[in-house]
Amino acid sequence: MAEIIRESIFIETDIMSVKLQPKYMIWRGRTYQFISIGLHHTTYDGDILIHLFSMITTSACFRISFNTKTLFWTLEEVEWV
C-alpha cells in the first residue's frame, strides 16, 4: 500500500536528454537510483503545469512531481517492495 509523503526532494535529471528524465533522488539524506520510469504524464494545477512520474528503484516505487512554475520536485507517495 502506498504511503503519502508530500515532501520536497532533490532530483538529478539527464540534461542531455530532450525529455525531462529523472536519474536519481535524494530524500531524507538517502540516495535512490532510478532503474525505470513506470509512467509519465502531465496535469494542471490552475495555470501551472505539473509533471507526474512513477519511478522504480530496487527497493521501492515512488510517485514524484515537478512544478514547472516553482521548479520544485515533490515526493508524493512511496510504496516499498
C-alpha atoms as a PDB file:
ATOM      1  CA  MET A   1       0.000   0.000   0.000  1.00  0.00           C
ATOM      2  CA  ALA A   2       1.307   3.436  -0.927  1.00  0.00           C
ATOM      3  CA  GLU A   3       2.302   5.858   1.819  1.00  0.00           C
ATOM      4  CA  ILE A   4       1.508   9.545   1.137  1.00  0.00           C
ATOM      5  CA  ILE A   5       4.607  11.693   1.766  1.00  0.00           C
ATOM      6  CA  ARG A   6       4.382  15.124   0.026  1.00  0.00           C
ATOM      7  CA  GLU A   7       7.927  16.288   0.876  1.00  0.00           C
ATOM      8  CA  SER A   8      10.419  18.327  -1.150  1.00  0.00           C
ATOM      9  CA  ILE A   9      13.217  16.281  -2.692  1.00  0.00           C
ATOM     10  CA  PHE A  10      16.336  16.746  -4.799  1.00  0.00           C
ATOM     11  CA  ILE A  11      16.290  15.177  -8.262  1.00  0.00           C
ATOM     12  CA  GLU A  12      19.173  14.815 -10.696  1.00  0.00           C
ATOM     13  CA  THR A  13      17.952  14.742 -14.291  1.00  0.00           C
ATOM     14  CA  ASP A  14      19.549  13.746 -17.562  1.00  0.00           C
ATOM     15  CA  ILE A  15      20.355  17.166 -19.049  1.00  0.00           C
ATOM     16  CA  MET A  16      21.471  15.648 -22.340  1.00  0.00           C
ATOM     17  CA  SER A  17      18.005  14.220 -22.960  1.00  0.00           C
ATOM     18  CA  VAL A  18      15.291  16.135 -24.802  1.00  0.00           C
ATOM     19  CA  LYS A  19      12.746  14.766 -22.313  1.00  0.00           C
ATOM     20  CA  LEU A  20      12.588  15.537 -18.597  1.00  0.00           C
ATOM     21  CA  GLN A  21      14.086  12.304 -17.252  1.00  0.00           C
ATOM     22  CA  PRO A  22      14.935  11.863 -13.536  1.00  0.00           C
ATOM     23  CA  LYS A  23      18.081   9.781 -12.834  1.00  0.00           C
ATOM     24  CA  TYR A  24      18.194   9.667  -9.039  1.00  0.00           C
ATOM     25  CA  MET A  25      16.597  11.232  -5.966  1.00  0.00           C
ATOM     26  CA  ILE A  26      17.874  12.341  -2.563  1.00  0.00           C
ATOM     27  CA  TRP A  27      15.253  12.047   0.154  1.00  0.00           C
ATOM     28  CA  ARG A  28      15.876  12.270   3.915  1.00  0.00           C
ATOM     29  CA  GLY A  29      19.636  12.086   3.319  1.00  0.00           C
ATOM     30  CA  ARG A  30      19.499   8.887   1.280  1.00  0.00           C
ATOM     31  CA  THR A  31      20.090   8.499  -2.461  1.00  0.00           C
ATOM     32  CA  TYR A  32      17.752   6.373  -4.584  1.00  0.00           C
ATOM     33  CA  GLN A  33      18.926   5.443  -8.087  1.00  0.00           C
ATOM     34  CA  PHE A  34      16.021   5.075 -10.516  1.00  0.00           C
ATOM     35  CA  ILE A  35      16.135   1.971 -12.692  1.00  0.00           C
ATOM     36  CA  SER A  36      12.945   2.639 -14.651  1.00  0.00           C
ATOM     37  CA  ILE A  37      10.211   5.165 -15.371  1.00  0.00           C
ATOM     38  CA  GLY A  38       6.870   3.468 -14.890  1.00  0.00           C
ATOM     39  CA  LEU A  39       4.648   6.302 -16.085  1.00  0.00           C
ATOM     40  CA  HIS A  40       4.940   9.977 -17.013  1.00  0.00           C
ATOM     41  CA  HIS A  41       2.014  12.294 -17.563  1.00  0.00           C
ATOM     42  CA  THR A  42       1.111  15.936 -17.044  1.00  0.00           C
ATOM     43  CA  THR A  43      -1.714  17.774 -15.349  1.00  0.00           C
ATOM     44  CA  TYR A  44      -2.554  21.355 -14.434  1.00  0.00           C
ATOM     45  CA  ASP A  45      -2.981  22.962 -11.022  1.00  0.00           C
ATOM     46  CA  GLY A  46      -4.796  26.090 -12.180  1.00  0.00           C
ATOM     47  CA  ASP A  47      -2.452  27.502 -14.826  1.00  0.00           C
ATOM     48  CA  ILE A  48       0.635  25.621 -13.537  1.00  0.00           C
ATOM     49  CA  LEU A  49       1.856  22.609 -15.492  1.00  0.00           C
ATOM     50  CA  ILE A  50       2.774  19.664 -13.239  1.00  0.00           C
ATOM     51  CA  HIS A  51       4.763  16.639 -14.469  1.00  0.00           C
ATOM     52  CA  LEU A  52       3.950  13.391 -12.619  1.00  0.00           C
ATOM     53  CA  PHE A  53       6.295  10.406 -12.690  1.00  0.00           C
ATOM     54  CA  SER A  54       6.108   6.879 -11.314  1.00  0.00           C
ATOM     55  CA  MET A  55       9.724   5.878 -10.704  1.00  0.00           C
ATOM     56  CA  ILE A  56      11.086   2.455  -9.811  1.00  0.00           C
ATOM     57  CA  THR A  57      14.167   1.595  -7.727  1.00  0.00           C
ATOM     58  CA  THR A  58      15.370  -1.746  -6.418  1.00  0.00           C
ATOM     59  CA  SER A  59      13.637  -1.127  -3.067  1.00  0.00           C
ATOM     60  CA  ALA A  60      10.541   0.980  -3.813  1.00  0.00           C
ATOM     61  CA  CYS A  61       8.181   2.647  -6.254  1.00  0.00           C
ATOM     62  CA  PHE A  62       7.983   6.431  -5.976  1.00  0.00           C
ATOM     63  CA  ARG A  63       5.430   8.897  -7.323  1.00  0.00           C
ATOM     64  CA  ILE A  64       7.142  12.262  -7.823  1.00  0.00           C
ATOM     65  CA  SER A  65       6.001  15.576  -9.278  1.00  0.00           C
ATOM     66  CA  PHE A  66       7.713  18.555 -10.879  1.00  0.00           C
ATOM     67  CA  ASN A  67       6.136  22.021 -10.662  1.00  0.00           C
ATOM     68  CA  THR A  68       7.094  23.997 -13.792  1.00  0.00           C
ATOM     69  CA  LYS A  69       6.409  27.356 -12.123  1.00  0.00           C
ATOM     70  CA  THR A  70       8.453  26.923  -8.935  1.00  0.00           C
ATOM     71  CA  LEU A  71      10.834  24.310 -10.446  1.00  0.00           C
ATOM     72  CA  PHE A  72      10.497  22.230  -7.249  1.00  0.00           C
ATOM     73  CA  TRP A  73      10.306  18.456  -7.073  1.00  0.00           C
ATOM     74  CA  THR A  74       7.970  16.743  -4.585  1.00  0.00           C
ATOM     75  CA  LEU A  75       7.826  13.147  -3.427  1.00  0.00           C
ATOM     76  CA  GLU A  76       4.098  12.438  -3.443  1.00  0.00           C
ATOM     77  CA  GLU A  77       3.977   8.737  -2.491  1.00  0.00           C
ATOM     78  CA  VAL A  78       6.212   5.766  -1.802  1.00  0.00           C
ATOM     79  CA  GLU A  79       5.434   2.059  -1.897  1.00  0.00           C
ATOM     80  CA  TRP A  80       8.127  -0.274  -0.530  1.00  0.00           C
ATOM     81  CA  VAL A  81       8.652  -3.600  -2.260  1.00  0.00           C
END
